[in-house]
Amino acid sequence: MATLLVQNIRLLAENTRDLGLEVNSKKTRCLVTRSNASCFAYRQLMTNYGNFEEVPEFIYLGAFITNRN
């Protein structure tokens, strides 16, 4: 699973770079929506583009999203 996420982060970074944008790893978080525990060591997804912290919940456009949804 982590390998697929790393590949997706790479694709995201490459395609946004083509548009003049950059993924900010200090502001970007990831949420795993599985019923069991974290799939990352130390709750971080480590890539060449930065380390992305795993979070159990966040608010998106006013909606409260959790890893239990």
Protein backbone atom coordinates (compact mmCIF):
# COMPACT_ATOMS: atom_id res chain seq x y z
CA MET A 1 0.00 0.00 0.00
CA ALA A 2 2.75 2.47 0.91
CA THR A 3 4.47 1.82 -2.43
CA LEU A 4 1.31 2.78 -4.29
CA LEU A 5 1.00 5.97 -2.23
CA VAL A 6 4.63 6.86 -2.93
CA GLN A 7 4.00 6.37 -6.66
CA ASN A 8 0.91 8.59 -6.45
CA ILE A 9 2.86 11.31 -4.61
CA ARG A 10 5.53 11.15 -7.33
CA LEU A 11 2.89 11.51 -10.06
CA LEU A 12 1.24 14.37 -8.20
CA ALA A 13 4.55 16.20 -7.76
CA GLU A 14 5.59 15.70 -11.40
CA ASN A 15 2.25 16.79 -12.86
CA THR A 16 1.82 19.81 -10.61
CA ARG A 17 5.40 20.89 -11.38
CA ASP A 18 4.40 21.01 -15.07
CA LEU A 19 1.75 23.56 -14.05
CA GLY A 20 4.21 25.63 -12.01
CA LEU A 21 2.91 24.30 -8.68
CA GLU A 22 4.74 22.52 -5.89
CA VAL A 23 3.51 20.03 -3.27
CA ASN A 24 4.30 21.46 0.16
CA SER A 25 5.20 18.48 2.35
CA LYS A 26 4.97 20.65 5.47
CA LYS A 27 1.27 21.34 4.78
CA THR A 28 0.27 18.07 3.10
CA ARG A 29 -1.04 15.22 5.27
CA CYS A 30 -2.37 11.77 4.43
CA LEU A 31 -5.34 9.90 5.81
CA VAL A 32 -5.54 6.11 5.61
CA THR A 33 -9.13 4.91 5.55
CA ARG A 34 -8.60 1.34 6.66
CA SER A 35 -10.15 -0.41 9.61
CA ASN A 36 -6.82 -1.45 11.11
CA ALA A 37 -3.84 0.55 12.35
CA SER A 38 -1.42 2.78 10.48
CA CYS A 39 0.48 1.34 7.54
CA PHE A 40 3.47 3.70 7.88
CA ALA A 41 6.44 3.52 10.20
CA TYR A 42 6.27 6.35 12.74
CA ARG A 43 2.97 7.46 11.12
CA GLN A 44 4.85 9.12 8.26
CA LEU A 45 4.94 8.40 4.55
CA MET A 46 8.55 9.03 3.51
CA THR A 47 9.21 9.97 -0.13
CA ASN A 48 11.84 11.81 -2.17
CA TYR A 49 9.45 14.77 -2.10
CA GLY A 50 9.29 14.98 1.69
CA ASN A 51 7.74 13.22 4.63
CA PHE A 52 3.96 13.27 4.84
CA GLU A 53 2.37 12.90 8.26
CA GLU A 54 -0.51 10.48 8.65
CA VAL A 55 -3.52 11.96 10.46
CA PRO A 56 -6.61 10.22 11.88
CA GLU A 57 -8.99 13.07 10.91
CA PHE A 58 -9.26 16.44 9.17
CA ILE A 59 -11.80 19.01 8.06
CA TYR A 60 -12.30 19.41 4.30
CA LEU A 61 -14.65 22.11 3.03
CA GLY A 62 -16.42 22.08 6.38
CA ALA A 63 -16.88 18.29 6.49
CA PHE A 64 -15.24 16.33 9.29
CA ILE A 65 -13.43 13.34 7.72
CA THR A 66 -12.01 10.52 9.87
CA ASN A 67 -10.23 7.25 9.20
CA ARG A 68 -13.39 5.51 10.44
CA ASN A 69 -15.75 7.00 7.79
